[in-house]
Amino acid sequence: MSRSRKLNASLWTAQTLLALLFLFAGVTKLIMPAAELAKTSGPLSVGFIQFIGVCEVLGGLGLILPGLTHIRTGLTSLAAAGLVIIMIGAVVVTAATAPVAMATVPAVTGIVAAFVAYGRWRVAPLSNSSSRQLALQAAR
């Protein structure tokens, strides 16, 4: 297996695992009753936690759908970068409200998301194989 195929497989594996994690976390935040969410959200408002849930669901979808559909594949790296920003916030809030060791989980998740963001942006971008792209290539 060539180096580029291994990298592509590693990126797809990371994208899939992150997508599952963020879809689960986001949907959980969205379906949890507001009273229960208020107990677990610490200093953050329920509305903000639900907003984060929506961002996590959209980010999880953005990690997978562009690559599967070959439409707007550049959005994959943007989705991963957005999830990195969310994880930076999660590290800060976790370190401020819980033992600092608990912040390692969002930190590692953010590092994996950064790997996907950079990998899909510069190292192994996904190809747009839409009919428009094929037509442009044929015209050259």
C-alpha atoms as a PDB file:
ATOM      1  CA  MET A   1       0.000   0.000   0.000  1.00  0.00           C
ATOM      2  CA  SER A   2       1.455   3.334  -1.034  1.00  0.00           C
ATOM      3  CA  ARG A   3       2.074   6.160   1.375  1.00  0.00           C
ATOM      4  CA  SER A   4      -0.698   8.326  -0.091  1.00  0.00           C
ATOM      5  CA  ARG A   5      -3.230   5.494   0.139  1.00  0.00           C
ATOM      6  CA  LYS A   6      -2.278   4.905   3.792  1.00  0.00           C
ATOM      7  CA  LEU A   7      -2.674   8.607   4.521  1.00  0.00           C
ATOM      8  CA  ASN A   8      -6.029   8.719   2.739  1.00  0.00           C
ATOM      9  CA  ALA A   9      -7.198   5.657   4.704  1.00  0.00           C
ATOM     10  CA  SER A  10      -6.014   7.247   7.951  1.00  0.00           C
ATOM     11  CA  LEU A  11      -7.842  10.469   7.151  1.00  0.00           C
ATOM     12  CA  TRP A  12     -11.057   8.641   6.259  1.00  0.00           C
ATOM     13  CA  THR A  13     -10.833   6.619   9.478  1.00  0.00           C
ATOM     14  CA  ALA A  14     -10.305   9.775  11.549  1.00  0.00           C
ATOM     15  CA  GLN A  15     -13.125  11.563   9.692  1.00  0.00           C
ATOM     16  CA  THR A  16     -15.536   8.692  10.287  1.00  0.00           C
ATOM     17  CA  LEU A  17     -14.712   8.361  13.988  1.00  0.00           C
ATOM     18  CA  LEU A  18     -14.940  12.115  14.525  1.00  0.00           C
ATOM     19  CA  ALA A  19     -18.220  12.286  12.607  1.00  0.00           C
ATOM     20  CA  LEU A  20     -19.729   9.546  14.764  1.00  0.00           C
ATOM     21  CA  LEU A  21     -18.487  11.228  17.944  1.00  0.00           C
ATOM     22  CA  PHE A  22     -19.770  14.685  17.022  1.00  0.00           C
ATOM     23  CA  LEU A  23     -23.077  13.433  15.643  1.00  0.00           C
ATOM     24  CA  PHE A  24     -23.689  11.508  18.865  1.00  0.00           C
ATOM     25  CA  ALA A  25     -22.651  14.429  21.085  1.00  0.00           C
ATOM     26  CA  GLY A  26     -24.614  16.981  19.071  1.00  0.00           C
ATOM     27  CA  VAL A  27     -27.812  14.972  18.839  1.00  0.00           C
ATOM     28  CA  THR A  28     -27.598  14.212  22.564  1.00  0.00           C
ATOM     29  CA  LYS A  29     -27.413  17.939  23.327  1.00  0.00           C
ATOM     30  CA  LEU A  30     -30.387  18.599  21.067  1.00  0.00           C
ATOM     31  CA  ILE A  31     -32.740  15.897  22.360  1.00  0.00           C
ATOM     32  CA  MET A  32     -31.899  16.191  26.052  1.00  0.00           C
ATOM     33  CA  PRO A  33     -34.598  18.027  28.033  1.00  0.00           C
ATOM     34  CA  ALA A  34     -33.617  21.615  28.888  1.00  0.00           C
ATOM     35  CA  ALA A  35     -33.861  21.003  32.656  1.00  0.00           C
ATOM     36  CA  GLU A  36     -31.469  18.067  32.459  1.00  0.00           C
ATOM     37  CA  LEU A  37     -29.154  19.921  30.093  1.00  0.00           C
ATOM     38  CA  ALA A  38     -29.030  22.857  32.540  1.00  0.00           C
ATOM     39  CA  LYS A  39     -27.753  20.502  35.280  1.00  0.00           C
ATOM     40  CA  THR A  40     -24.890  19.228  33.140  1.00  0.00           C
ATOM     41  CA  SER A  41     -23.914  22.404  31.283  1.00  0.00           C
ATOM     42  CA  GLY A  42     -22.077  24.087  34.156  1.00  0.00           C
ATOM     43  CA  PRO A  43     -21.669  27.838  33.678  1.00  0.00           C
ATOM     44  CA  LEU A  44     -22.942  27.811  30.077  1.00  0.00           C
ATOM     45  CA  SER A  45     -26.543  28.566  29.145  1.00  0.00           C
ATOM     46  CA  VAL A  46     -28.837  25.903  27.731  1.00  0.00           C
ATOM     47  CA  GLY A  47     -29.276  27.900  24.523  1.00  0.00           C
ATOM     48  CA  PHE A  48     -25.519  28.072  23.996  1.00  0.00           C
ATOM     49  CA  ILE A  49     -25.134  24.330  24.616  1.00  0.00           C
ATOM     50  CA  GLN A  50     -27.893  23.644  22.071  1.00  0.00           C
ATOM     51  CA  PHE A  51     -26.128  25.949  19.594  1.00  0.00           C
ATOM     52  CA  ILE A  52     -22.936  23.932  20.133  1.00  0.00           C
ATOM     53  CA  GLY A  53     -24.990  20.774  19.522  1.00  0.00           C
ATOM     54  CA  VAL A  54     -26.191  22.126  16.166  1.00  0.00           C
ATOM     55  CA  CYS A  55     -22.598  23.048  15.245  1.00  0.00           C
ATOM     56  CA  GLU A  56     -21.404  19.551  16.199  1.00  0.00           C
ATOM     57  CA  VAL A  57     -24.079  17.870  14.073  1.00  0.00           C
ATOM     58  CA  LEU A  58     -23.299  20.095  11.082  1.00  0.00           C
ATOM     59  CA  GLY A  59     -19.558  19.569  11.579  1.00  0.00           C
ATOM     60  CA  GLY A  60     -20.009  15.796  11.783  1.00  0.00           C
ATOM     61  CA  LEU A  61     -22.008  15.817   8.556  1.00  0.00           C
ATOM     62  CA  GLY A  62     -19.430  18.117   6.962  1.00  0.00           C
ATOM     63  CA  LEU A  63     -16.664  15.625   7.687  1.00  0.00           C
ATOM     64  CA  ILE A  64     -18.341  12.876   5.665  1.00  0.00           C
ATOM     65  CA  LEU A  65     -20.901  14.126   3.135  1.00  0.00           C
ATOM     66  CA  PRO A  66     -18.625  16.177   0.841  1.00  0.00           C
ATOM     67  CA  GLY A  67     -16.300  13.218   0.387  1.00  0.00           C
ATOM     68  CA  LEU A  68     -19.117  10.786  -0.258  1.00  0.00           C
ATOM     69  CA  THR A  69     -20.956  13.021  -2.721  1.00  0.00           C
ATOM     70  CA  HIS A  70     -17.844  14.638  -4.282  1.00  0.00           C
ATOM     71  CA  ILE A  71     -19.619  17.984  -4.007  1.00  0.00           C
ATOM     72  CA  ARG A  72     -17.809  20.941  -2.407  1.00  0.00           C
ATOM     73  CA  THR A  73     -15.104  18.692  -0.977  1.00  0.00           C
ATOM     74  CA  GLY A  74     -13.227  21.710   0.368  1.00  0.00           C
ATOM     75  CA  LEU A  75     -15.898  21.964   3.053  1.00  0.00           C
ATOM     76  CA  THR A  76     -14.444  18.902   4.792  1.00  0.00           C
ATOM     77  CA  SER A  77     -11.363  20.792   5.961  1.00  0.00           C
ATOM     78  CA  LEU A  78     -13.534  23.763   6.993  1.00  0.00           C
ATOM     79  CA  ALA A  79     -15.818  21.487   9.015  1.00  0.00           C
ATOM     80  CA  ALA A  80     -12.813  19.951  10.741  1.00  0.00           C
ATOM     81  CA  ALA A  81     -11.368  23.418  11.464  1.00  0.00           C
ATOM     82  CA  GLY A  82     -14.680  24.508  12.964  1.00  0.00           C
ATOM     83  CA  LEU A  83     -14.673  21.444  15.191  1.00  0.00           C
ATOM     84  CA  VAL A  84     -11.129  22.317  16.302  1.00  0.00           C
ATOM     85  CA  ILE A  85     -12.452  25.697  17.465  1.00  0.00           C
ATOM     86  CA  ILE A  86     -15.244  23.983  19.390  1.00  0.00           C
ATOM     87  CA  MET A  87     -12.715  21.652  21.023  1.00  0.00           C
ATOM     88  CA  ILE A  88     -10.489  24.566  22.041  1.00  0.00           C
ATOM     89  CA  GLY A  89     -13.492  26.011  23.850  1.00  0.00           C
ATOM     90  CA  ALA A  90     -14.242  22.622  25.382  1.00  0.00           C
ATOM     91  CA  VAL A  91     -10.682  22.345  26.698  1.00  0.00           C
ATOM     92  CA  VAL A  92     -10.881  25.818  28.272  1.00  0.00           C
ATOM     93  CA  VAL A  93     -14.288  25.228  29.884  1.00  0.00           C
ATOM     94  CA  THR A  94     -13.321  21.746  31.090  1.00  0.00           C
ATOM     95  CA  ALA A  95     -10.039  22.965  32.589  1.00  0.00           C
ATOM     96  CA  ALA A  96     -11.868  25.806  34.347  1.00  0.00           C
ATOM     97  CA  THR A  97     -14.715  23.731  35.776  1.00  0.00           C
ATOM     98  CA  ALA A  98     -13.262  20.238  36.305  1.00  0.00           C
ATOM     99  CA  PRO A  99      -9.924  18.643  37.088  1.00  0.00           C
ATOM    100  CA  VAL A 100      -7.422  19.639  34.402  1.00  0.00           C
ATOM    101  CA  ALA A 101      -6.829  15.983  33.511  1.00  0.00           C
ATOM    102  CA  MET A 102     -10.397  15.820  32.187  1.00  0.00           C
ATOM    103  CA  ALA A 103      -9.434  18.343  29.498  1.00  0.00           C
ATOM    104  CA  THR A 104      -7.290  15.715  27.747  1.00  0.00           C
ATOM    105  CA  VAL A 105     -10.331  14.164  26.046  1.00  0.00           C
ATOM    106  CA  PRO A 106     -11.387  17.313  24.156  1.00  0.00           C
ATOM    107  CA  ALA A 107      -7.712  18.149  23.580  1.00  0.00           C
ATOM    108  CA  VAL A 108      -7.036  14.827  21.850  1.00  0.00           C
ATOM    109  CA  THR A 109     -10.282  15.140  19.899  1.00  0.00           C
ATOM    110  CA  GLY A 110      -9.208  18.614  18.767  1.00  0.00           C
ATOM    111  CA  ILE A 111      -5.793  17.324  17.712  1.00  0.00           C
ATOM    112  CA  VAL A 112      -7.409  14.597  15.597  1.00  0.00           C
ATOM    113  CA  ALA A 113      -9.741  17.191  14.049  1.00  0.00           C
ATOM    114  CA  ALA A 114      -6.708  19.390  13.297  1.00  0.00           C
ATOM    115  CA  PHE A 115      -5.039  16.396  11.606  1.00  0.00           C
ATOM    116  CA  VAL A 116      -8.115  16.007   9.388  1.00  0.00           C
ATOM    117  CA  ALA A 117      -8.347  19.747   8.693  1.00  0.00           C
ATOM    118  CA  TYR A 118      -4.725  20.031   7.594  1.00  0.00           C
ATOM    119  CA  GLY A 119      -4.667  16.665   5.843  1.00  0.00           C
ATOM    120  CA  ARG A 120      -7.733  17.415   3.735  1.00  0.00           C
ATOM    121  CA  TRP A 121      -6.673  21.001   3.100  1.00  0.00           C
ATOM    122  CA  ARG A 122      -3.033  20.565   2.045  1.00  0.00           C
ATOM    123  CA  VAL A 123      -1.745  16.984   2.151  1.00  0.00           C
ATOM    124  CA  ALA A 124      -4.502  14.792   0.648  1.00  0.00           C
ATOM    125  CA  PRO A 125      -7.438  16.924  -0.485  1.00  0.00           C
ATOM    126  CA  LEU A 126     -10.550  15.163  -1.658  1.00  0.00           C
ATOM    127  CA  SER A 127     -11.242  15.444  -5.378  1.00  0.00           C
ATOM    128  CA  ASN A 128     -14.334  17.032  -6.879  1.00  0.00           C
ATOM    129  CA  SER A 129     -15.315  14.493  -9.515  1.00  0.00           C
ATOM    130  CA  SER A 130     -18.547  16.185 -10.419  1.00  0.00           C
ATOM    131  CA  SER A 131     -19.576  16.393 -14.059  1.00  0.00           C
ATOM    132  CA  ARG A 132     -18.541  20.068 -14.160  1.00  0.00           C
ATOM    133  CA  GLN A 133     -15.016  19.224 -13.004  1.00  0.00           C
ATOM    134  CA  LEU A 134     -14.767  16.413 -15.547  1.00  0.00           C
ATOM    135  CA  ALA A 135     -15.942  18.770 -18.292  1.00  0.00           C
ATOM    136  CA  LEU A 136     -13.327  21.352 -17.293  1.00  0.00           C
ATOM    137  CA  GLN A 137     -10.597  18.726 -17.354  1.00  0.00           C
ATOM    138  CA  ALA A 138     -11.730  17.439 -20.763  1.00  0.00           C
ATOM    139  CA  ALA A 139     -11.656  20.975 -22.180  1.00  0.00           C
ATOM    140  CA  ARG A 140      -7.977  21.379 -21.304  1.00  0.00           C
END
